Amino acid sequence: MNTTTTLSSRTTDATTISLQEGYFAKRNALDWIFAAIALAGGLYGLARYGAFMDVYEKGILLGTIPAVIAMGWFWRPLRALMLLVAGFSLLGIVSYQGDLARAEQVFWLKYFLSSQSAILWMSVLFFMSTAFYWMGMFARGQSGTMELLGSRIAWVAVGMALVGTMVRWYESYLIGADVGHIPVSNLYEVFVLFSWMTAAFYLYFEAQYKTRTMGAFVMLVVSAAVGFLLWYTVVREAHEIQPLVPALKSWWMKLHVPANFIGYGMFSLAAMVSLAYLIKQQALETRWYRLTPLWLLGVVLCFVPIVFRKSTEIGGTNYWLGYLLVSGLIAAAILLGRQRIAARLPSAEVLDDVMYKAIAVGFAFFTIATVLGALWAAEAWGGYWSWDPKETWALIVWLNYAAWLHMRLMKGLRGTVAAWWALVGLAVTTFAFLGVNMFLSGLHSYGTL
């Protein structure tokens, strides 16, 4: 019996070693160079700025190093993205030379690498990417080229968003040590976060499934977020860096907010893919009153300007009228070209699978964010849960997607019902994200409109 146990133990150990060797044996020289650069950068940051960090922030930084290496190894295009973002961010930071006024004096800061310039480039590039994806959807003969351009431009937009975020982080410390913070603290900053995260996750699915046609739909929600961001910048001058309110001066923010917006981004991605699924299912429908996904899209797009019309004194009327016009044209193009769109989209099985995986990943991160938020609330306000409106709606969002996944895994939920449910989920999520800020008040009323 002891001999059997020993042999079994040795077999397990050998299997473990074999698996480990197999994993690391797949790494090439570029993987190890990337790992060395990530390690060196992380340790330099710890040595250079460790005196300004508490023990938790040091732990976050040290934990980020293996996470960055793992992501670069898991999806190799991320290596180039992260290295380029790091390089251009450092160029921008060094160019300041400790003086914020140089943002208007140095050419590449003024037009490319200051946070506001980079984020404006992000906005333009996301609009261009969306346009190229849609041109590819309707083009004949050159559709692949158009979609490839849309994809490449989306990559550049994600890079500019990250450069803008990193430089903005540094700019906040140039204003004052007590002002400096990670830029995920208000609506302006989290809309940038949402935009690049949603686009980055979509680009991963695009590579995995080897189809770019879903980009036409997913980039619509990214462009809508960018449109809101630009409007919010004008009416609130939201790009100005402001000191944190006391409750946000916590290392919990560095974990809770990004995890939350991975959830929001993935839920939005799933909803747009579900819209594509419904259009594919109803492509041959000739009775217009049965084309419910498209009519619903039109109603929602028209409702948005009505909600935000209160900013008329700052030019909001013209902005939202333009938004309404563009939205109407998009909805009409989808309605009239639904058969062409359906033919270009991947199979219903692929769309259904992407929808499921996006919701599964989003739910996992949203759950983590909710737990982290409860721990943060206990530290800031003395209780894990207070039934604040934001907390209540976060719970509703969580229960909605928990039920969706339960029905998927236990009852085999698929197809039209699952797609409609995902679309409704986006409406619930949007209210939890924006509607609570607009119509309700509570402890989370930092990003008021």
Foldseek 3Di string as FASTA:
>chain_A
DVVVVVVVVVVVVVVVVVVVCVVVVPDDPVLVVLLVVLVVVLVVCCVVCVVVDDPVVNVVSVVVSVVLSVVCSVDVVVSVLVVVLVVLLVVLLVQCVLPPVCCCVDVCSVQAQALVNLLVLLLVLLVQLLVLLVCLLPDDPCSVVSLVSSLVSLSSSLSSLSSSQSNVQVVQVSVHVQQHDRQLAALLSVLSLLLSLLSVVVSVLCVVVVARNLVNQSSVVSNVSSLVNVVCCQLPVVVDRDGHDVLPPDPLCVQQRSLLSLLLSLLSSLLSLLLLLLLLVCVPPPPVVPSVSLVVQLVVQLVVLVLVVVSVVRVSVVSSVVSNVVSVVVSVCCVVCSNSSSVRDDDSVSSFVSSVVSLVSSLVSLVVSLQSCLVSCCVRPVGSDDVWVLNVLSVVLNVLSVVLVCCCVPVVDTGNVSNVSSNVSSVSVCCSVQVCLAPHDDPPNPHHD
